[in-house]
Amino acid sequence: MLLRAIIHSIESVAPRSAQEEWDNSGMQVGDTGQDIQSVLLTTDITETVVTEAIERGCQLIISHHPLLFHGLKQVCGQTPQARIVEMAIKHHIAIYSAHTSLDSVAGGINTRLAEKLGITDYKPLSPSSLKGEHNYLGVIGTLPAPIAYTDFLAQVHDTLDCTYVRYTRPCKEYIQTVALCGGSGAEFIGAAIEQGADVYLTADCKYHEFQDADGCIGLIDIDHWFSERHAREIFRDILEPLGITCYISNNDKTPIQLWQKKN
């Protein structure tokens, strides 16, 4: 299948018009006329991910986070991004990314995250996140029944299989209304409070954001990668029915490691 047809299928779900102004979703490297038999799916593009694509014989890498946010002034191997571009071109591997274009649509990152956690009747979190018909940068919904805050923390940890869960003290012993935003969503904490959420789940929160939320809402913070890695599943669900062989990268991992002192 030609790459342009694969892109058309992805953008029928996550159109580039849905991305934020600062973003760079879309083609990163390659020729849309290239024939594609197999695809490597990843959250992030690293040199080890590209090496895996070479070893698997993939002609395309699809990532959630774009490889290129800023223009490259030189492609001479001085930076990881430059080396990745060189590797991809040398081995005829195209690279495509769907970032906030996938975050902000129904069926995308945030609605899929809500479904994984059993949140139903979800809707856009705040009018400030609206962008035409694409409005799911944050969502708010309800659990089927009230649940103990500590049990929900365990549910988040176990369902997302994340390495850590940081949180503020509970405002309520039992919670039911949940707001969330995969990735760096601290900007929507206020909207979650205004919309009456019992808890708000996101990633990359700073100390003072925890401090401001404490006593107002149960703020739950997890590793950014774990909050968005299901983008790979979404890509696979789009492409496998087309007969494209899809591999989820074995080398796509969070860069954050946790050190614990042994007793």
C-alpha atoms as a PDB file:
ATOM      1  CA  MET A   1       0.000   0.000   0.000  1.00  0.00           C
ATOM      2  CA  LEU A   2       1.266   3.458  -0.807  1.00  0.00           C
ATOM      3  CA  LEU A   3       2.220   5.634   2.144  1.00  0.00           C
ATOM      4  CA  ARG A   4      -0.213   8.356   1.056  1.00  0.00           C
ATOM      5  CA  ALA A   5      -3.097   5.864   1.434  1.00  0.00           C
ATOM      6  CA  ILE A   6      -1.911   4.917   4.934  1.00  0.00           C
ATOM      7  CA  ILE A   7      -1.721   8.591   5.870  1.00  0.00           C
ATOM      8  CA  HIS A   8      -5.230   9.122   4.524  1.00  0.00           C
ATOM      9  CA  SER A   9      -6.512   6.338   6.809  1.00  0.00           C
ATOM     10  CA  ILE A  10      -4.787   7.800   9.871  1.00  0.00           C
ATOM     11  CA  GLU A  11      -5.929  11.323   9.120  1.00  0.00           C
ATOM     12  CA  SER A  12      -9.516  10.174   8.638  1.00  0.00           C
ATOM     13  CA  VAL A  13      -9.359   9.551  12.408  1.00  0.00           C
ATOM     14  CA  ALA A  14      -6.810  12.179  13.429  1.00  0.00           C
ATOM     15  CA  PRO A  15      -6.778  15.014  10.864  1.00  0.00           C
ATOM     16  CA  ARG A  16      -3.818  17.366  10.969  1.00  0.00           C
ATOM     17  CA  SER A  17      -6.300  20.237  11.215  1.00  0.00           C
ATOM     18  CA  ALA A  18      -6.972  19.050  14.774  1.00  0.00           C
ATOM     19  CA  GLN A  19      -3.405  19.618  15.974  1.00  0.00           C
ATOM     20  CA  GLU A  20      -2.356  22.532  18.142  1.00  0.00           C
ATOM     21  CA  GLU A  21      -0.606  25.478  16.489  1.00  0.00           C
ATOM     22  CA  TRP A  22       2.744  24.670  18.110  1.00  0.00           C
ATOM     23  CA  ASP A  23       2.678  21.017  17.051  1.00  0.00           C
ATOM     24  CA  ASN A  24       4.271  19.238  14.082  1.00  0.00           C
ATOM     25  CA  SER A  25       2.087  16.224  13.359  1.00  0.00           C
ATOM     26  CA  GLY A  26       2.378  14.707   9.896  1.00  0.00           C
ATOM     27  CA  MET A  27       5.241  13.557   7.679  1.00  0.00           C
ATOM     28  CA  GLN A  28       8.663  13.837   9.257  1.00  0.00           C
ATOM     29  CA  VAL A  29      10.804  11.936   6.743  1.00  0.00           C
ATOM     30  CA  GLY A  30      10.108  10.180   3.467  1.00  0.00           C
ATOM     31  CA  ASP A  31       8.107  10.013   0.256  1.00  0.00           C
ATOM     32  CA  THR A  32       4.319   9.615   0.318  1.00  0.00           C
ATOM     33  CA  GLY A  33       4.589   7.575  -2.882  1.00  0.00           C
ATOM     34  CA  GLN A  34       6.633   4.864  -1.146  1.00  0.00           C
ATOM     35  CA  ASP A  35       5.194   1.347  -1.034  1.00  0.00           C
ATOM     36  CA  ILE A  36       4.684   0.090   2.525  1.00  0.00           C
ATOM     37  CA  GLN A  37       4.349  -3.520   3.662  1.00  0.00           C
ATOM     38  CA  SER A  38       5.150  -3.270   7.368  1.00  0.00           C
ATOM     39  CA  VAL A  39       5.083  -0.559  10.013  1.00  0.00           C
ATOM     40  CA  LEU A  40       6.761  -0.096  13.400  1.00  0.00           C
ATOM     41  CA  LEU A  41       4.532   1.686  15.919  1.00  0.00           C
ATOM     42  CA  THR A  42       6.050   3.722  18.743  1.00  0.00           C
ATOM     43  CA  THR A  43       5.383   6.519  21.194  1.00  0.00           C
ATOM     44  CA  ASP A  44       8.826   8.091  20.751  1.00  0.00           C
ATOM     45  CA  ILE A  45      11.381   7.898  17.948  1.00  0.00           C
ATOM     46  CA  THR A  46      14.858   7.047  19.193  1.00  0.00           C
ATOM     47  CA  GLU A  47      17.916   5.617  17.491  1.00  0.00           C
ATOM     48  CA  THR A  48      17.193   2.193  18.993  1.00  0.00           C
ATOM     49  CA  VAL A  49      13.637   2.322  17.615  1.00  0.00           C
ATOM     50  CA  VAL A  50      14.964   3.115  14.128  1.00  0.00           C
ATOM     51  CA  THR A  51      17.498   0.284  14.437  1.00  0.00           C
ATOM     52  CA  GLU A  52      14.617  -2.043  15.310  1.00  0.00           C
ATOM     53  CA  ALA A  53      12.706  -0.885  12.221  1.00  0.00           C
ATOM     54  CA  ILE A  54      15.765  -1.658  10.087  1.00  0.00           C
ATOM     55  CA  GLU A  55      16.133  -5.119  11.624  1.00  0.00           C
ATOM     56  CA  ARG A  56      12.430  -5.901  11.147  1.00  0.00           C
ATOM     57  CA  GLY A  57      12.488  -4.687   7.562  1.00  0.00           C
ATOM     58  CA  CYS A  58       9.840  -2.016   8.158  1.00  0.00           C
ATOM     59  CA  GLN A  59       9.421   0.715   5.571  1.00  0.00           C
ATOM     60  CA  LEU A  60       7.563   3.063   7.916  1.00  0.00           C
ATOM     61  CA  ILE A  61       7.673   4.218  11.535  1.00  0.00           C
ATOM     62  CA  ILE A  62       4.552   5.830  12.981  1.00  0.00           C
ATOM     63  CA  SER A  63       5.023   7.672  16.260  1.00  0.00           C
ATOM     64  CA  HIS A  64       2.859   9.658  18.634  1.00  0.00           C
ATOM     65  CA  HIS A  65       5.499  12.237  19.544  1.00  0.00           C
ATOM     66  CA  PRO A  66       6.973  13.951  16.481  1.00  0.00           C
ATOM     67  CA  LEU A  67      10.653  13.524  15.735  1.00  0.00           C
ATOM     68  CA  LEU A  68      10.953  17.137  14.586  1.00  0.00           C
ATOM     69  CA  PHE A  69       9.536  20.082  16.515  1.00  0.00           C
ATOM     70  CA  HIS A  70      12.097  22.593  15.299  1.00  0.00           C
ATOM     71  CA  GLY A  71      13.886  22.860  11.983  1.00  0.00           C
ATOM     72  CA  LEU A  72      17.210  21.064  11.581  1.00  0.00           C
ATOM     73  CA  LYS A  73      19.921  23.476  10.446  1.00  0.00           C
ATOM     74  CA  GLN A  74      22.393  20.667   9.776  1.00  0.00           C
ATOM     75  CA  VAL A  75      22.066  16.931   9.173  1.00  0.00           C
ATOM     76  CA  CYS A  76      25.573  15.836  10.078  1.00  0.00           C
ATOM     77  CA  GLY A  77      24.970  13.533  13.021  1.00  0.00           C
ATOM     78  CA  GLN A  78      25.537  16.051  15.822  1.00  0.00           C
ATOM     79  CA  THR A  79      22.154  15.413  17.480  1.00  0.00           C
ATOM     80  CA  PRO A  80      19.956  12.340  17.968  1.00  0.00           C
ATOM     81  CA  GLN A  81      17.331  13.892  15.678  1.00  0.00           C
ATOM     82  CA  ALA A  82      19.888  14.444  12.905  1.00  0.00           C
ATOM     83  CA  ARG A  83      21.256  10.906  13.262  1.00  0.00           C
ATOM     84  CA  ILE A  84      17.726   9.480  13.106  1.00  0.00           C
ATOM     85  CA  VAL A  85      16.984  11.428   9.922  1.00  0.00           C
ATOM     86  CA  GLU A  86      20.226  10.136   8.392  1.00  0.00           C
ATOM     87  CA  MET A  87      19.440   6.534   9.383  1.00  0.00           C
ATOM     88  CA  ALA A  88      15.894   6.733   8.066  1.00  0.00           C
ATOM     89  CA  ILE A  89      16.930   8.191   4.708  1.00  0.00           C
ATOM     90  CA  LYS A  90      19.803   5.719   4.306  1.00  0.00           C
ATOM     91  CA  HIS A  91      17.493   2.748   4.886  1.00  0.00           C
ATOM     92  CA  HIS A  92      14.488   4.173   2.992  1.00  0.00           C
ATOM     93  CA  ILE A  93      12.323   4.339   6.108  1.00  0.00           C
ATOM     94  CA  ALA A  94       9.558   6.935   6.197  1.00  0.00           C
ATOM     95  CA  ILE A  95       8.478   8.537   9.478  1.00  0.00           C
ATOM     96  CA  TYR A  96       5.006   9.890  10.256  1.00  0.00           C
ATOM     97  CA  SER A  97       3.710  11.301  13.556  1.00  0.00           C
ATOM     98  CA  ALA A  98       0.224  11.974  14.921  1.00  0.00           C
ATOM     99  CA  HIS A  99       0.537  13.960  18.136  1.00  0.00           C
ATOM    100  CA  THR A 100      -2.092  16.474  19.261  1.00  0.00           C
ATOM    101  CA  SER A 101      -4.039  15.552  16.137  1.00  0.00           C
ATOM    102  CA  LEU A 102      -4.603  12.196  17.870  1.00  0.00           C
ATOM    103  CA  ASP A 103      -4.974  13.697  21.355  1.00  0.00           C
ATOM    104  CA  SER A 104      -7.880  15.917  20.465  1.00  0.00           C
ATOM    105  CA  VAL A 105     -10.342  13.659  18.630  1.00  0.00           C
ATOM    106  CA  ALA A 106     -13.000  11.184  19.681  1.00  0.00           C
ATOM    107  CA  GLY A 107     -11.409   7.758  19.511  1.00  0.00           C
ATOM    108  CA  GLY A 108      -8.012   9.294  20.202  1.00  0.00           C
ATOM    109  CA  ILE A 109      -5.613   9.342  23.127  1.00  0.00           C
ATOM    110  CA  ASN A 110      -7.878  10.804  25.797  1.00  0.00           C
ATOM    111  CA  THR A 111     -11.112   9.026  24.989  1.00  0.00           C
ATOM    112  CA  ARG A 112      -9.207   5.713  24.742  1.00  0.00           C
ATOM    113  CA  LEU A 113      -7.561   6.419  28.111  1.00  0.00           C
ATOM    114  CA  ALA A 114     -10.979   7.110  29.638  1.00  0.00           C
ATOM    115  CA  GLU A 115     -12.316   3.826  28.277  1.00  0.00           C
ATOM    116  CA  LYS A 116      -9.340   1.890  29.625  1.00  0.00           C
ATOM    117  CA  LEU A 117     -10.106   3.223  33.106  1.00  0.00           C
ATOM    118  CA  GLY A 118     -13.810   2.424  32.840  1.00  0.00           C
ATOM    119  CA  ILE A 119     -14.929   6.047  32.604  1.00  0.00           C
ATOM    120  CA  THR A 120     -18.241   6.473  30.790  1.00  0.00           C
ATOM    121  CA  ASP A 121     -20.434   9.348  29.579  1.00  0.00           C
ATOM    122  CA  TYR A 122     -17.286  11.377  28.994  1.00  0.00           C
ATOM    123  CA  LYS A 123     -17.311  14.758  27.303  1.00  0.00           C
ATOM    124  CA  PRO A 124     -14.798  17.526  26.584  1.00  0.00           C
ATOM    125  CA  LEU A 125     -13.368  18.856  29.818  1.00  0.00           C
ATOM    126  CA  SER A 126     -13.482  22.552  29.078  1.00  0.00           C
ATOM    127  CA  PRO A 127     -14.551  24.951  26.328  1.00  0.00           C
ATOM    128  CA  SER A 128     -10.967  26.203  26.413  1.00  0.00           C
ATOM    129  CA  SER A 129      -9.944  22.937  24.787  1.00  0.00           C
ATOM    130  CA  LEU A 130     -12.464  23.190  21.949  1.00  0.00           C
ATOM    131  CA  LYS A 131     -11.147  23.393  18.403  1.00  0.00           C
ATOM    132  CA  GLY A 132     -14.006  23.003  15.965  1.00  0.00           C
ATOM    133  CA  GLU A 133     -15.231  19.443  16.130  1.00  0.00           C
ATOM    134  CA  HIS A 134     -11.935  18.317  17.684  1.00  0.00           C
ATOM    135  CA  ASN A 135     -12.247  18.930  21.382  1.00  0.00           C
ATOM    136  CA  TYR A 136     -10.890  16.075  23.445  1.00  0.00           C
ATOM    137  CA  LEU A 137      -7.588  17.450  24.728  1.00  0.00           C
ATOM    138  CA  GLY A 138      -9.142  16.798  28.135  1.00  0.00           C
ATOM    139  CA  VAL A 139     -12.209  14.748  29.039  1.00  0.00           C
ATOM    140  CA  ILE A 140     -14.465  14.375  32.060  1.00  0.00           C
ATOM    141  CA  GLY A 141     -16.804  11.494  32.809  1.00  0.00           C
ATOM    142  CA  THR A 142     -18.014   9.128  35.497  1.00  0.00           C
ATOM    143  CA  LEU A 143     -17.179   5.721  36.862  1.00  0.00           C
ATOM    144  CA  PRO A 144     -20.052   3.206  36.975  1.00  0.00           C
ATOM    145  CA  ALA A 145     -20.228   3.556  40.764  1.00  0.00           C
ATOM    146  CA  PRO A 146     -18.432   5.468  43.506  1.00  0.00           C
ATOM    147  CA  ILE A 147     -15.051   3.960  44.371  1.00  0.00           C
ATOM    148  CA  ALA A 148     -12.621   4.576  47.197  1.00  0.00           C
ATOM    149  CA  TYR A 149      -9.931   7.064  46.160  1.00  0.00           C
ATOM    150  CA  THR A 150      -7.204   4.615  47.165  1.00  0.00           C
ATOM    151  CA  ASP A 151      -8.847   1.872  45.088  1.00  0.00           C
ATOM    152  CA  PHE A 152      -8.911   4.172  42.063  1.00  0.00           C
ATOM    153  CA  LEU A 153      -5.213   4.904  42.538  1.00  0.00           C
ATOM    154  CA  ALA A 154      -4.584   1.160  42.475  1.00  0.00           C
ATOM    155  CA  GLN A 155      -6.790   0.831  39.381  1.00  0.00           C
ATOM    156  CA  VAL A 156      -4.766   3.494  37.570  1.00  0.00           C
ATOM    157  CA  HIS A 157      -1.498   1.794  38.530  1.00  0.00           C
ATOM    158  CA  ASP A 158      -2.633  -1.693  37.534  1.00  0.00           C
ATOM    159  CA  THR A 159      -4.585  -0.814  34.382  1.00  0.00           C
ATOM    160  CA  LEU A 160      -1.873   1.397  32.919  1.00  0.00           C
ATOM    161  CA  ASP A 161       0.957  -0.717  34.388  1.00  0.00           C
ATOM    162  CA  CYS A 162       2.790   2.493  35.221  1.00  0.00           C
ATOM    163  CA  THR A 163       5.964   2.762  37.252  1.00  0.00           C
ATOM    164  CA  TYR A 164       4.651   5.346  39.687  1.00  0.00           C
ATOM    165  CA  VAL A 165       1.528   7.201  40.761  1.00  0.00           C
ATOM    166  CA  ARG A 166       1.944  10.584  42.474  1.00  0.00           C
ATOM    167  CA  TYR A 167      -1.116  12.139  44.058  1.00  0.00           C
ATOM    168  CA  THR A 168      -2.509  14.698  46.464  1.00  0.00           C
ATOM    169  CA  ARG A 169      -4.489  13.744  49.533  1.00  0.00           C
ATOM    170  CA  PRO A 170      -8.119  12.883  48.810  1.00  0.00           C
ATOM    171  CA  CYS A 171     -10.775  15.551  49.034  1.00  0.00           C
ATOM    172  CA  LYS A 172     -13.355  12.776  49.173  1.00  0.00           C
ATOM    173  CA  GLU A 173     -13.048   9.250  50.493  1.00  0.00           C
ATOM    174  CA  TYR A 174     -15.105   8.000  47.547  1.00  0.00           C
ATOM    175  CA  ILE A 175     -14.869   9.419  44.043  1.00  0.00           C
ATOM    176  CA  GLN A 176     -16.896   8.987  40.848  1.00  0.00           C
ATOM    177  CA  THR A 177     -16.388  11.974  38.541  1.00  0.00           C
ATOM    178  CA  VAL A 178     -13.004  11.732  36.837  1.00  0.00           C
ATOM    179  CA  ALA A 179     -11.253  14.198  34.535  1.00  0.00           C
ATOM    180  CA  LEU A 180      -8.099  13.329  32.637  1.00  0.00           C
ATOM    181  CA  CYS A 181      -5.657  14.414  29.996  1.00  0.00           C
ATOM    182  CA  GLY A 182      -2.912  12.162  28.655  1.00  0.00           C
ATOM    183  CA  GLY A 183       0.520  13.759  28.479  1.00  0.00           C
ATOM    184  CA  SER A 184       1.282  17.174  29.949  1.00  0.00           C
ATOM    185  CA  GLY A 185      -2.162  18.394  30.970  1.00  0.00           C
ATOM    186  CA  ALA A 186      -1.603  20.515  34.068  1.00  0.00           C
ATOM    187  CA  GLU A 187      -3.175  23.475  32.243  1.00  0.00           C
ATOM    188  CA  PHE A 188      -6.588  21.815  32.676  1.00  0.00           C
ATOM    189  CA  ILE A 189      -6.460  21.375  36.470  1.00  0.00           C
ATOM    190  CA  GLY A 190      -8.584  24.498  36.933  1.00  0.00           C
ATOM    191  CA  ALA A 191     -11.116  23.293  34.373  1.00  0.00           C
ATOM    192  CA  ALA A 192     -11.370  19.951  36.175  1.00  0.00           C
ATOM    193  CA  ILE A 193     -12.115  21.759  39.437  1.00  0.00           C
ATOM    194  CA  GLU A 194     -14.658  24.067  37.770  1.00  0.00           C
ATOM    195  CA  GLN A 195     -16.421  21.115  36.148  1.00  0.00           C
ATOM    196  CA  GLY A 196     -16.791  19.329  39.478  1.00  0.00           C
ATOM    197  CA  ALA A 197     -14.318  16.486  39.009  1.00  0.00           C
ATOM    198  CA  ASP A 198     -13.415  14.548  42.125  1.00  0.00           C
ATOM    199  CA  VAL A 199     -10.005  13.684  40.685  1.00  0.00           C
ATOM    200  CA  TYR A 200      -7.872  14.760  37.749  1.00  0.00           C
ATOM    201  CA  LEU A 201      -5.360  12.422  36.098  1.00  0.00           C
ATOM    202  CA  THR A 202      -2.515  13.693  33.930  1.00  0.00           C
ATOM    203  CA  ALA A 203       1.302  13.760  33.704  1.00  0.00           C
ATOM    204  CA  ASP A 204       4.262  16.086  34.247  1.00  0.00           C
ATOM    205  CA  CYS A 205       2.767  18.113  37.105  1.00  0.00           C
ATOM    206  CA  LYS A 206       5.075  20.503  38.975  1.00  0.00           C
ATOM    207  CA  TYR A 207       5.367  20.948  42.722  1.00  0.00           C
ATOM    208  CA  HIS A 208       3.327  24.158  42.865  1.00  0.00           C
ATOM    209  CA  GLU A 209       0.589  22.599  40.736  1.00  0.00           C
ATOM    210  CA  PHE A 210       0.292  19.866  43.351  1.00  0.00           C
ATOM    211  CA  GLN A 211       0.306  22.528  46.035  1.00  0.00           C
ATOM    212  CA  ASP A 212      -2.482  24.521  44.377  1.00  0.00           C
ATOM    213  CA  ALA A 213      -4.592  21.406  43.802  1.00  0.00           C
ATOM    214  CA  ASP A 214      -4.201  20.090  47.344  1.00  0.00           C
ATOM    215  CA  GLY A 215      -7.498  20.396  49.164  1.00  0.00           C
ATOM    216  CA  CYS A 216      -9.368  21.318  45.944  1.00  0.00           C
ATOM    217  CA  ILE A 217      -9.184  18.130  43.886  1.00  0.00           C
ATOM    218  CA  GLY A 218      -7.471  14.768  43.971  1.00  0.00           C
ATOM    219  CA  LEU A 219      -4.584  15.334  41.538  1.00  0.00           C
ATOM    220  CA  ILE A 220      -3.055  12.157  40.113  1.00  0.00           C
ATOM    221  CA  ASP A 221       0.185  12.317  38.152  1.00  0.00           C
ATOM    222  CA  ILE A 222       1.760   9.443  36.210  1.00  0.00           C
ATOM    223  CA  ASP A 223       4.707   9.055  33.828  1.00  0.00           C
ATOM    224  CA  HIS A 224       3.990  10.866  30.529  1.00  0.00           C
ATOM    225  CA  TRP A 225       4.889   7.801  28.432  1.00  0.00           C
ATOM    226  CA  PHE A 226       2.482   5.512  30.267  1.00  0.00           C
ATOM    227  CA  SER A 227      -0.353   7.990  29.829  1.00  0.00           C
ATOM    228  CA  GLU A 228       0.020   7.947  26.031  1.00  0.00           C
ATOM    229  CA  ARG A 229       1.593   4.658  24.972  1.00  0.00           C
ATOM    230  CA  HIS A 230      -1.817   3.341  23.885  1.00  0.00           C
ATOM    231  CA  ALA A 231      -1.422   5.565  20.807  1.00  0.00           C
ATOM    232  CA  ARG A 232       0.325   2.517  19.356  1.00  0.00           C
ATOM    233  CA  GLU A 233      -2.811   0.438  19.837  1.00  0.00           C
ATOM    234  CA  ILE A 234      -4.901   3.092  18.092  1.00  0.00           C
ATOM    235  CA  PHE A 235      -2.550   3.122  15.097  1.00  0.00           C
ATOM    236  CA  ARG A 236      -2.672  -0.683  14.958  1.00  0.00           C
ATOM    237  CA  ASP A 237      -6.483  -0.684  15.066  1.00  0.00           C
ATOM    238  CA  ILE A 238      -6.520   1.679  12.077  1.00  0.00           C
ATOM    239  CA  LEU A 239      -3.906  -0.111   9.960  1.00  0.00           C
ATOM    240  CA  GLU A 240      -4.282  -3.850  10.530  1.00  0.00           C
ATOM    241  CA  PRO A 241      -7.709  -4.030   8.819  1.00  0.00           C
ATOM    242  CA  LEU A 242      -5.967  -2.605   5.733  1.00  0.00           C
ATOM    243  CA  GLY A 243      -3.665  -5.623   5.588  1.00  0.00           C
ATOM    244  CA  ILE A 244      -0.610  -3.742   6.845  1.00  0.00           C
ATOM    245  CA  THR A 245       1.725  -5.738   9.095  1.00  0.00           C
ATOM    246  CA  CYS A 246       2.116  -3.785  12.337  1.00  0.00           C
ATOM    247  CA  TYR A 247       4.739  -4.214  15.032  1.00  0.00           C
ATOM    248  CA  ILE A 248       4.684  -2.439  18.385  1.00  0.00           C
ATOM    249  CA  SER A 249       8.261  -1.468  19.143  1.00  0.00           C
ATOM    250  CA  ASN A 250      10.095  -3.458  21.796  1.00  0.00           C
ATOM    251  CA  ASN A 251      12.443  -0.506  22.304  1.00  0.00           C
ATOM    252  CA  ASP A 252       9.808   2.150  22.929  1.00  0.00           C
ATOM    253  CA  LYS A 253      10.140   2.804  26.656  1.00  0.00           C
ATOM    254  CA  THR A 254       9.914   5.645  29.113  1.00  0.00           C
ATOM    255  CA  PRO A 255      13.266   7.392  29.585  1.00  0.00           C
ATOM    256  CA  ILE A 256      12.455   7.927  33.271  1.00  0.00           C
ATOM    257  CA  GLN A 257      14.019   5.410  35.641  1.00  0.00           C
ATOM    258  CA  LEU A 258      13.288   5.129  39.372  1.00  0.00           C
ATOM    259  CA  TRP A 259      16.067   4.463  41.864  1.00  0.00           C
ATOM    260  CA  GLN A 260      15.223   2.692  45.114  1.00  0.00           C
ATOM    261  CA  LYS A 261      17.690   1.939  47.847  1.00  0.00           C
ATOM    262  CA  LYS A 262      17.955  -1.746  48.647  1.00  0.00           C
ATOM    263  CA  ASN A 263      17.529  -2.742  52.268  1.00  0.00           C
END
